[in-house]
C-alpha atoms as a PDB file:
ATOM      1  CA  MET A   1      -0.083   0.016  -0.005  1.00  0.00           C
ATOM      2  CA  LYS A   2       2.747   2.354   0.852  1.00  0.00           C
ATOM      3  CA  PHE A   3       4.513   1.621  -2.501  1.00  0.00           C
ATOM      4  CA  ILE A   4       1.331   2.388  -4.422  1.00  0.00           C
ATOM      5  CA  LEU A   5       0.937   5.640  -2.539  1.00  0.00           C
ATOM      6  CA  ALA A   6       4.480   6.528  -3.160  1.00  0.00           C
ATOM      7  CA  VAL A   7       4.149   5.864  -7.010  1.00  0.00           C
ATOM      8  CA  LEU A   8       1.023   8.023  -7.088  1.00  0.00           C
ATOM      9  CA  ILE A   9       2.758  10.912  -5.479  1.00  0.00           C
ATOM     10  CA  ALA A  10       5.839  10.647  -7.898  1.00  0.00           C
ATOM     11  CA  PHE A  11       3.360  10.598 -10.838  1.00  0.00           C
ATOM     12  CA  THR A  12       1.428  13.602  -9.481  1.00  0.00           C
ATOM     13  CA  ALA A  13       4.779  15.596  -8.720  1.00  0.00           C
ATOM     14  CA  ALA A  14       6.138  14.656 -12.254  1.00  0.00           C
ATOM     15  CA  GLY A  15       3.027  15.774 -14.056  1.00  0.00           C
ATOM     16  CA  CYS A  16       3.073  19.193 -12.222  1.00  0.00           C
ATOM     17  CA  ALA A  17       6.742  19.674 -12.814  1.00  0.00           C
ATOM     18  CA  THR A  18       6.172  19.450 -16.574  1.00  0.00           C
ATOM     19  CA  HIS A  19       3.167  21.937 -16.767  1.00  0.00           C
ATOM     20  CA  LYS A  20       4.011  25.196 -18.625  1.00  0.00           C
ATOM     21  CA  GLU A  21       2.445  28.385 -17.518  1.00  0.00           C
ATOM     22  CA  THR A  22       0.471  29.871 -20.542  1.00  0.00           C
ATOM     23  CA  PHE A  23      -2.258  32.298 -21.329  1.00  0.00           C
ATOM     24  CA  THR A  24      -4.506  33.128 -24.194  1.00  0.00           C
ATOM     25  CA  SER A  25      -4.960  36.750 -25.212  1.00  0.00           C
ATOM     26  CA  THR A  26      -7.538  38.154 -27.658  1.00  0.00           C
ATOM     27  CA  ASN A  27      -5.546  41.347 -27.684  1.00  0.00           C
ATOM     28  CA  PRO A  28      -3.745  41.884 -31.038  1.00  0.00           C
ATOM     29  CA  ASN A  29      -1.032  44.178 -29.492  1.00  0.00           C
ATOM     30  CA  GLU A  30       0.440  41.382 -27.806  1.00  0.00           C
ATOM     31  CA  LEU A  31       1.750  39.618 -31.049  1.00  0.00           C
ATOM     32  CA  PHE A  32       3.408  40.954 -34.079  1.00  0.00           C
ATOM     33  CA  ILE A  33       4.147  38.909 -37.287  1.00  0.00           C
ATOM     34  CA  GLY A  34       7.205  39.647 -39.639  1.00  0.00           C
ATOM     35  CA  LYS A  35       9.717  42.158 -38.713  1.00  0.00           C
ATOM     36  CA  LYS A  36      10.471  43.332 -35.172  1.00  0.00           C
ATOM     37  CA  PRO A  37       8.539  46.588 -34.331  1.00  0.00           C
ATOM     38  CA  ASP A  38      10.490  49.716 -33.409  1.00  0.00           C
ATOM     39  CA  GLY A  39      10.605  51.153 -29.879  1.00  0.00           C
ATOM     40  CA  TYR A  40      11.266  48.075 -27.761  1.00  0.00           C
ATOM     41  CA  PRO A  41      11.992  47.711 -24.947  1.00  0.00           C
ATOM     42  CA  LYS A  42       9.586  50.210 -23.413  1.00  0.00           C
ATOM     43  CA  THR A  43       9.454  51.369 -19.781  1.00  0.00           C
ATOM     44  CA  TYR A  44       6.705  53.465 -18.405  1.00  0.00           C
ATOM     45  CA  ILE A  45       4.956  54.087 -15.258  1.00  0.00           C
ATOM     46  CA  GLU A  46       0.864  53.835 -14.912  1.00  0.00           C
ATOM     47  CA  PRO A  47      -1.368  54.135 -12.154  1.00  0.00           C
ATOM     48  CA  TYR A  48      -2.481  50.884 -10.520  1.00  0.00           C
ATOM     49  CA  PRO A  49      -6.271  50.609 -10.944  1.00  0.00           C
ATOM     50  CA  GLY A  50      -8.318  51.015  -7.781  1.00  0.00           C
ATOM     51  CA  TYR A  51      -5.359  51.977  -5.561  1.00  0.00           C
ATOM     52  CA  PRO A  52      -4.684  55.684  -5.402  1.00  0.00           C
ATOM     53  CA  GLY A  53      -0.917  56.585  -4.604  1.00  0.00           C
ATOM     54  CA  PHE A  54       0.107  53.294  -6.121  1.00  0.00           C
ATOM     55  CA  CYS A  55       1.610  52.778  -9.648  1.00  0.00           C
ATOM     56  CA  LEU A  56       3.047  50.057 -11.706  1.00  0.00           C
ATOM     57  CA  ASP A  57       6.585  50.291 -13.278  1.00  0.00           C
ATOM     58  CA  VAL A  58       6.129  48.507 -16.679  1.00  0.00           C
ATOM     59  CA  LYS A  59       8.860  47.199 -18.717  1.00  0.00           C
ATOM     60  CA  GLU A  60       7.812  45.547 -22.141  1.00  0.00           C
ATOM     61  CA  THR A  61      10.152  43.557 -24.250  1.00  0.00           C
ATOM     62  CA  LEU A  62       9.794  41.351 -27.389  1.00  0.00           C
ATOM     63  CA  ARG A  63      10.734  37.693 -27.696  1.00  0.00           C
ATOM     64  CA  GLU A  64      11.381  36.066 -31.035  1.00  0.00           C
ATOM     65  CA  ASP A  65       9.595  32.824 -31.892  1.00  0.00           C
ATOM     66  CA  HIS A  66       8.678  30.845 -35.045  1.00  0.00           C
ATOM     67  CA  PHE A  67       5.367  29.549 -36.025  1.00  0.00           C
ATOM     68  CA  LYS A  68       4.545  27.767 -39.365  1.00  0.00           C
ATOM     69  CA  GLY A  69       7.552  29.122 -41.013  1.00  0.00           C
ATOM     70  CA  GLN A  70       6.887  32.833 -39.847  1.00  0.00           C
ATOM     71  CA  THR A  71       8.866  34.913 -37.451  1.00  0.00           C
ATOM     72  CA  ILE A  72       6.503  36.027 -34.650  1.00  0.00           C
ATOM     73  CA  TRP A  73       7.355  38.571 -31.885  1.00  0.00           C
ATOM     74  CA  LEU A  74       5.693  37.844 -28.597  1.00  0.00           C
ATOM     75  CA  LYS A  75       5.372  40.704 -26.052  1.00  0.00           C
ATOM     76  CA  ASP A  76       6.555  39.955 -22.468  1.00  0.00           C
ATOM     77  CA  LYS A  77       5.678  42.457 -19.555  1.00  0.00           C
ATOM     78  CA  TYR A  78       7.324  42.835 -16.403  1.00  0.00           C
ATOM     79  CA  LEU A  79       5.574  44.604 -13.647  1.00  0.00           C
ATOM     80  CA  ARG A  80       6.967  46.079 -10.283  1.00  0.00           C
ATOM     81  CA  SER A  81       4.909  48.035  -7.868  1.00  0.00           C
ATOM     82  CA  VAL A  82       6.220  51.584  -7.144  1.00  0.00           C
ATOM     83  CA  ASP A  83       5.189  54.752  -5.503  1.00  0.00           C
ATOM     84  CA  CYS A  84       3.607  57.313  -8.088  1.00  0.00           C
ATOM     85  CA  PRO A  85       5.771  60.149  -9.092  1.00  0.00           C
ATOM     86  CA  GLN A  86       4.714  63.407  -7.557  1.00  0.00           C
END
């Protein structure tokens, strides 16, 4: 019984370890096909919605990938909480 339990735990851990974190977006500004757009990386500060006085420091970069023979550029966003500038 202990052996079966150990095997089940091992399979569960292995299944969780191979899971890739992905998301689906319907926003066309998150993906570019063809040549790399100008102006990246971008860094800007925007207000944090619903929390006055708090802002997000946003850094956007592009990552090259290939899909069905085409070059695509995927947008990566890195967010950091900061105080809003005065």
